[in-house]
Amino acid sequence: MLLMDSSTKISFNRCIRDGDLVIVYERHDTMKAVKVCENSVLQNRFGVFKHSDWIGKPFGSKVFSNK
């Protein structure tokens, strides 16, 4: 039997942490993988998204830009 560390297990109950990989859906047909870093931002035509705003939110959360 393989033992797993439950703190690293991905689940929908776990919140986003610094260093996690998240999938960002920009539109219904456009998505990208982004590694979350405390001081980084994602900038696209929809606005500026601070990674620090994502940290602490559950996976699957909707986030909004500065616009």
PDB file of N, CA and C in Angstrom:
ATOM      1  N   MET A   1       0.840  -1.181   0.000  1.00  0.00           N
ATOM      2  CA  MET A   1       0.000   0.000   0.000  1.00  0.00           C
ATOM      3  C   MET A   1       0.884   1.243   0.000  1.00  0.00           C
ATOM      4  N   LEU A   2       0.534   2.198  -0.837  1.00  0.00           N
ATOM      5  CA  LEU A   2       1.288   3.442  -0.972  1.00  0.00           C
ATOM      6  C   LEU A   2       0.703   4.494  -0.040  1.00  0.00           C
ATOM      7  N   LEU A   3       1.533   5.043   0.826  1.00  0.00           N
ATOM      8  CA  LEU A   3       1.075   6.085   1.748  1.00  0.00           C
ATOM      9  C   LEU A   3       1.252   7.454   1.103  1.00  0.00           C
ATOM     10  N   MET A   4       0.246   8.297   1.247  1.00  0.00           N
ATOM     11  CA  MET A   4       0.301   9.648   0.681  1.00  0.00           C
ATOM     12  C   MET A   4       0.190  10.679   1.795  1.00  0.00           C
ATOM     13  N   ASP A   5       0.895  11.767   1.607  1.00  0.00           N
ATOM     14  CA  ASP A   5       0.797  12.881   2.536  1.00  0.00           C
ATOM     15  C   ASP A   5      -0.486  13.639   2.216  1.00  0.00           C
ATOM     16  N   SER A   6      -1.443  13.664   3.110  1.00  0.00           N
ATOM     17  CA  SER A   6      -2.747  14.284   2.843  1.00  0.00           C
ATOM     18  C   SER A   6      -2.657  15.800   2.649  1.00  0.00           C
ATOM     19  N   SER A   7      -1.579  16.436   3.101  1.00  0.00           N
ATOM     20  CA  SER A   7      -1.457  17.888   2.935  1.00  0.00           C
ATOM     21  C   SER A   7      -1.132  18.265   1.492  1.00  0.00           C
ATOM     22  N   THR A   8      -0.583  17.337   0.703  1.00  0.00           N
ATOM     23  CA  THR A   8      -0.251  17.633  -0.684  1.00  0.00           C
ATOM     24  C   THR A   8      -1.319  17.128  -1.649  1.00  0.00           C
ATOM     25  N   LYS A   9      -2.297  16.429  -1.143  1.00  0.00           N
ATOM     26  CA  LYS A   9      -3.356  15.887  -1.981  1.00  0.00           C
ATOM     27  C   LYS A   9      -4.252  17.018  -2.493  1.00  0.00           C
ATOM     28  N   ILE A  10      -4.515  17.014  -3.787  1.00  0.00           N
ATOM     29  CA  ILE A  10      -5.384  18.031  -4.379  1.00  0.00           C
ATOM     30  C   ILE A  10      -6.842  17.661  -4.127  1.00  0.00           C
ATOM     31  N   SER A  11      -7.596  18.587  -3.627  1.00  0.00           N
ATOM     32  CA  SER A  11      -9.026  18.375  -3.427  1.00  0.00           C
ATOM     33  C   SER A  11      -9.734  19.714  -3.580  1.00  0.00           C
ATOM     34  N   PHE A  12     -11.026  19.671  -3.773  1.00  0.00           N
ATOM     35  CA  PHE A  12     -11.782  20.901  -3.925  1.00  0.00           C
ATOM     36  C   PHE A  12     -12.010  21.602  -2.591  1.00  0.00           C
ATOM     37  N   ASN A  13     -11.638  20.977  -1.495  1.00  0.00           N
ATOM     38  CA  ASN A  13     -11.762  21.603  -0.180  1.00  0.00           C
ATOM     39  C   ASN A  13     -10.518  22.400   0.178  1.00  0.00           C
ATOM     40  N   ARG A  14      -9.398  22.113  -0.501  1.00  0.00           N
ATOM     41  CA  ARG A  14      -8.135  22.765  -0.168  1.00  0.00           C
ATOM     42  C   ARG A  14      -8.051  24.142  -0.818  1.00  0.00           C
ATOM     43  N   CYS A  15      -7.434  25.068  -0.131  1.00  0.00           N
ATOM     44  CA  CYS A  15      -7.279  26.430  -0.639  1.00  0.00           C
ATOM     45  C   CYS A  15      -5.972  26.556  -1.416  1.00  0.00           C
ATOM     46  N   ILE A  16      -5.938  27.524  -2.305  1.00  0.00           N
ATOM     47  CA  ILE A  16      -4.762  27.786  -3.123  1.00  0.00           C
ATOM     48  C   ILE A  16      -3.651  28.338  -2.234  1.00  0.00           C
ATOM     49  N   ARG A  17      -2.440  27.814  -2.455  1.00  0.00           N
ATOM     50  CA  ARG A  17      -1.268  28.261  -1.704  1.00  0.00           C
ATOM     51  C   ARG A  17      -0.188  28.727  -2.670  1.00  0.00           C
ATOM     52  N   ASP A  18       0.763  29.470  -2.153  1.00  0.00           N
ATOM     53  CA  ASP A  18       1.910  29.918  -2.940  1.00  0.00           C
ATOM     54  C   ASP A  18       2.624  28.690  -3.500  1.00  0.00           C
ATOM     55  N   GLY A  19       2.901  28.686  -4.802  1.00  0.00           N
ATOM     56  CA  GLY A  19       3.590  27.573  -5.438  1.00  0.00           C
ATOM     57  C   GLY A  19       2.663  26.573  -6.117  1.00  0.00           C
ATOM     58  N   ASP A  20       1.354  26.691  -5.904  1.00  0.00           N
ATOM     59  CA  ASP A  20       0.399  25.786  -6.549  1.00  0.00           C
ATOM     60  C   ASP A  20       0.270  26.116  -8.033  1.00  0.00           C
ATOM     61  N   LEU A  21      -0.116  25.117  -8.800  1.00  0.00           N
ATOM     62  CA  LEU A  21      -0.413  25.296 -10.211  1.00  0.00           C
ATOM     63  C   LEU A  21      -1.921  25.383 -10.367  1.00  0.00           C
ATOM     64  N   VAL A  22      -2.400  26.436 -11.005  1.00  0.00           N
ATOM     65  CA  VAL A  22      -3.836  26.619 -11.205  1.00  0.00           C
ATOM     66  C   VAL A  22      -4.120  26.755 -12.699  1.00  0.00           C
ATOM     67  N   ILE A  23      -5.330  26.407 -13.092  1.00  0.00           N
ATOM     68  CA  ILE A  23      -5.780  26.591 -14.468  1.00  0.00           C
ATOM     69  C   ILE A  23      -6.669  27.829 -14.495  1.00  0.00           C
ATOM     70  N   VAL A  24      -6.304  28.785 -15.326  1.00  0.00           N
ATOM     71  CA  VAL A  24      -7.053  30.031 -15.453  1.00  0.00           C
ATOM     72  C   VAL A  24      -7.859  29.972 -16.742  1.00  0.00           C
ATOM     73  N   TYR A  25      -9.173  30.059 -16.616  1.00  0.00           N
ATOM     74  CA  TYR A  25     -10.056  30.115 -17.779  1.00  0.00           C
ATOM     75  C   TYR A  25     -10.267  31.580 -18.120  1.00  0.00           C
ATOM     76  N   GLU A  26      -9.686  32.007 -19.242  1.00  0.00           N
ATOM     77  CA  GLU A  26      -9.845  33.396 -19.651  1.00  0.00           C
ATOM     78  C   GLU A  26     -11.158  33.596 -20.399  1.00  0.00           C
ATOM     79  N   ARG A  27     -11.511  32.632 -21.212  1.00  0.00           N
ATOM     80  CA  ARG A  27     -12.782  32.610 -21.933  1.00  0.00           C
ATOM     81  C   ARG A  27     -13.220  31.162 -22.011  1.00  0.00           C
ATOM     82  N   HIS A  28     -14.362  30.908 -22.607  1.00  0.00           N
ATOM     83  CA  HIS A  28     -14.854  29.536 -22.680  1.00  0.00           C
ATOM     84  C   HIS A  28     -13.944  28.627 -23.502  1.00  0.00           C
ATOM     85  N   ASP A  29     -13.132  29.209 -24.410  1.00  0.00           N
ATOM     86  CA  ASP A  29     -12.251  28.411 -25.257  1.00  0.00           C
ATOM     87  C   ASP A  29     -10.770  28.668 -25.010  1.00  0.00           C
ATOM     88  N   THR A  30     -10.432  29.440 -23.991  1.00  0.00           N
ATOM     89  CA  THR A  30      -9.038  29.783 -23.707  1.00  0.00           C
ATOM     90  C   THR A  30      -8.726  29.574 -22.233  1.00  0.00           C
ATOM     91  N   MET A  31      -7.692  28.770 -21.974  1.00  0.00           N
ATOM     92  CA  MET A  31      -7.239  28.563 -20.597  1.00  0.00           C
ATOM     93  C   MET A  31      -5.723  28.438 -20.592  1.00  0.00           C
ATOM     94  N   LYS A  32      -5.129  28.686 -19.428  1.00  0.00           N
ATOM     95  CA  LYS A  32      -3.680  28.537 -19.292  1.00  0.00           C
ATOM     96  C   LYS A  32      -3.343  28.099 -17.884  1.00  0.00           C
ATOM     97  N   ALA A  33      -2.243  27.382 -17.780  1.00  0.00           N
ATOM     98  CA  ALA A  33      -1.739  26.946 -16.478  1.00  0.00           C
ATOM     99  C   ALA A  33      -0.833  28.045 -15.933  1.00  0.00           C
ATOM    100  N   VAL A  34      -1.037  28.395 -14.663  1.00  0.00           N
ATOM    101  CA  VAL A  34      -0.265  29.460 -14.028  1.00  0.00           C
ATOM    102  C   VAL A  34       0.220  28.966 -12.673  1.00  0.00           C
ATOM    103  N   LYS A  35       1.522  29.127 -12.417  1.00  0.00           N
ATOM    104  CA  LYS A  35       2.055  28.815 -11.092  1.00  0.00           C
ATOM    105  C   LYS A  35       1.867  30.044 -10.214  1.00  0.00           C
ATOM    106  N   VAL A  36       1.205  29.863  -9.085  1.00  0.00           N
ATOM    107  CA  VAL A  36       0.891  30.973  -8.179  1.00  0.00           C
ATOM    108  C   VAL A  36       2.138  31.371  -7.398  1.00  0.00           C
ATOM    109  N   CYS A  37       2.490  32.656  -7.483  1.00  0.00           N
ATOM    110  CA  CYS A  37       3.606  33.232  -6.733  1.00  0.00           C
ATOM    111  C   CYS A  37       3.097  34.494  -6.043  1.00  0.00           C
ATOM    112  N   GLU A  38       3.388  34.625  -4.792  1.00  0.00           N
ATOM    113  CA  GLU A  38       2.856  35.700  -3.938  1.00  0.00           C
ATOM    114  C   GLU A  38       2.934  37.085  -4.576  1.00  0.00           C
ATOM    115  N   ASN A  39       4.060  37.424  -5.208  1.00  0.00           N
ATOM    116  CA  ASN A  39       4.252  38.790  -5.713  1.00  0.00           C
ATOM    117  C   ASN A  39       4.037  38.924  -7.213  1.00  0.00           C
ATOM    118  N   SER A  40       3.436  37.929  -7.852  1.00  0.00           N
ATOM    119  CA  SER A  40       3.245  37.964  -9.295  1.00  0.00           C
ATOM    120  C   SER A  40       1.845  38.428  -9.669  1.00  0.00           C
ATOM    121  N   VAL A  41       1.706  38.775 -10.947  1.00  0.00           N
ATOM    122  CA  VAL A  41       0.404  39.147 -11.486  1.00  0.00           C
ATOM    123  C   VAL A  41       0.216  38.455 -12.829  1.00  0.00           C
ATOM    124  N   LEU A  42      -1.031  38.226 -13.177  1.00  0.00           N
ATOM    125  CA  LEU A  42      -1.407  37.757 -14.505  1.00  0.00           C
ATOM    126  C   LEU A  42      -2.074  38.939 -15.182  1.00  0.00           C
ATOM    127  N   GLN A  43      -1.524  39.326 -16.325  1.00  0.00           N
ATOM    128  CA  GLN A  43      -2.084  40.465 -17.040  1.00  0.00           C
ATOM    129  C   GLN A  43      -2.530  39.984 -18.414  1.00  0.00           C
ATOM    130  N   ASN A  44      -3.773  40.278 -18.764  1.00  0.00           N
ATOM    131  CA  ASN A  44      -4.301  39.951 -20.071  1.00  0.00           C
ATOM    132  C   ASN A  44      -5.304  41.023 -20.482  1.00  0.00           C
ATOM    133  N   ARG A  45      -6.027  40.791 -21.558  1.00  0.00           N
ATOM    134  CA  ARG A  45      -6.952  41.817 -22.052  1.00  0.00           C
ATOM    135  C   ARG A  45      -8.133  42.063 -21.120  1.00  0.00           C
ATOM    136  N   PHE A  46      -8.317  41.189 -20.135  1.00  0.00           N
ATOM    137  CA  PHE A  46      -9.418  41.340 -19.188  1.00  0.00           C
ATOM    138  C   PHE A  46      -9.013  42.123 -17.940  1.00  0.00           C
ATOM    139  N   GLY A  47      -7.723  42.433 -17.803  1.00  0.00           N
ATOM    140  CA  GLY A  47      -7.256  43.212 -16.665  1.00  0.00           C
ATOM    141  C   GLY A  47      -6.026  42.611 -16.009  1.00  0.00           C
ATOM    142  N   VAL A  48      -5.760  43.053 -14.796  1.00  0.00           N
ATOM    143  CA  VAL A  48      -4.612  42.594 -14.011  1.00  0.00           C
ATOM    144  C   VAL A  48      -5.135  41.790 -12.835  1.00  0.00           C
ATOM    145  N   PHE A  49      -4.597  40.587 -12.673  1.00  0.00           N
ATOM    146  CA  PHE A  49      -5.011  39.691 -11.596  1.00  0.00           C
ATOM    147  C   PHE A  49      -3.813  39.433 -10.691  1.00  0.00           C
ATOM    148  N   LYS A  50      -3.894  39.855  -9.449  1.00  0.00           N
ATOM    149  CA  LYS A  50      -2.815  39.642  -8.492  1.00  0.00           C
ATOM    150  C   LYS A  50      -2.891  38.218  -7.944  1.00  0.00           C
ATOM    151  N   HIS A  51      -1.773  37.521  -7.975  1.00  0.00           N
ATOM    152  CA  HIS A  51      -1.735  36.168  -7.423  1.00  0.00           C
ATOM    153  C   HIS A  51      -2.036  36.178  -5.933  1.00  0.00           C
ATOM    154  N   SER A  52      -1.658  37.233  -5.257  1.00  0.00           N
ATOM    155  CA  SER A  52      -1.905  37.311  -3.810  1.00  0.00           C
ATOM    156  C   SER A  52      -3.404  37.304  -3.499  1.00  0.00           C
ATOM    157  N   ASP A  53      -4.232  37.741  -4.454  1.00  0.00           N
ATOM    158  CA  ASP A  53      -5.683  37.687  -4.262  1.00  0.00           C
ATOM    159  C   ASP A  53      -6.212  36.262  -4.375  1.00  0.00           C
ATOM    160  N   TRP A  54      -5.483  35.405  -5.077  1.00  0.00           N
ATOM    161  CA  TRP A  54      -5.904  34.010  -5.248  1.00  0.00           C
ATOM    162  C   TRP A  54      -5.580  33.167  -4.035  1.00  0.00           C
ATOM    163  N   ILE A  55      -4.479  33.509  -3.365  1.00  0.00           N
ATOM    164  CA  ILE A  55      -4.016  32.702  -2.233  1.00  0.00           C
ATOM    165  C   ILE A  55      -5.063  32.742  -1.112  1.00  0.00           C
ATOM    166  N   GLY A  56      -5.419  31.555  -0.633  1.00  0.00           N
ATOM    167  CA  GLY A  56      -6.404  31.427   0.426  1.00  0.00           C
ATOM    168  C   GLY A  56      -7.808  31.137  -0.085  1.00  0.00           C
ATOM    169  N   LYS A  57      -8.022  31.271  -1.392  1.00  0.00           N
ATOM    170  CA  LYS A  57      -9.337  30.949  -1.964  1.00  0.00           C
ATOM    171  C   LYS A  57      -9.373  29.463  -2.320  1.00  0.00           C
ATOM    172  N   PRO A  58     -10.538  28.844  -2.236  1.00  0.00           N
ATOM    173  CA  PRO A  58     -10.642  27.431  -2.621  1.00  0.00           C
ATOM    174  C   PRO A  58     -10.450  27.259  -4.128  1.00  0.00           C
ATOM    175  N   PHE A  59      -9.898  26.107  -4.530  1.00  0.00           N
ATOM    176  CA  PHE A  59      -9.798  25.799  -5.950  1.00  0.00           C
ATOM    177  C   PHE A  59     -11.189  25.866  -6.564  1.00  0.00           C
ATOM    178  N   GLY A  60     -11.289  26.423  -7.770  1.00  0.00           N
ATOM    179  CA  GLY A  60     -12.580  26.560  -8.450  1.00  0.00           C
ATOM    180  C   GLY A  60     -13.235  27.902  -8.223  1.00  0.00           C
ATOM    181  N   SER A  61     -12.607  28.771  -7.429  1.00  0.00           N
ATOM    182  CA  SER A  61     -13.189  30.091  -7.152  1.00  0.00           C
ATOM    183  C   SER A  61     -13.123  30.988  -8.365  1.00  0.00           C
ATOM    184  N   LYS A  62     -14.044  31.910  -8.451  1.00  0.00           N
ATOM    185  CA  LYS A  62     -14.060  32.929  -9.486  1.00  0.00           C
ATOM    186  C   LYS A  62     -13.354  34.153  -8.916  1.00  0.00           C
ATOM    187  N   VAL A  63     -12.417  34.710  -9.701  1.00  0.00           N
ATOM    188  CA  VAL A  63     -11.697  35.921  -9.272  1.00  0.00           C
ATOM    189  C   VAL A  63     -11.940  37.020 -10.282  1.00  0.00           C
ATOM    190  N   PHE A  64     -11.799  38.250  -9.851  1.00  0.00           N
ATOM    191  CA  PHE A  64     -12.066  39.393 -10.709  1.00  0.00           C
ATOM    192  C   PHE A  64     -10.838  40.259 -10.836  1.00  0.00           C
ATOM    193  N   SER A  65     -10.739  40.980 -11.957  1.00  0.00           N
ATOM    194  CA  SER A  65      -9.603  41.837 -12.205  1.00  0.00           C
ATOM    195  C   SER A  65      -9.833  43.215 -11.603  1.00  0.00           C
ATOM    196  N   ASN A  66      -8.912  44.102 -11.890  1.00  0.00           N
ATOM    197  CA  ASN A  66      -9.014  45.480 -11.412  1.00  0.00           C
ATOM    198  C   ASN A  66     -10.023  46.294 -12.222  1.00  0.00           C
ATOM    199  N   LYS A  67     -10.480  45.742 -13.351  1.00  0.00           N
ATOM    200  CA  LYS A  67     -11.434  46.472 -14.207  1.00  0.00           C
ATOM    201  C   LYS A  67     -12.849  46.361 -13.670  1.00  0.00           C
TER     202      LYS A  67
END
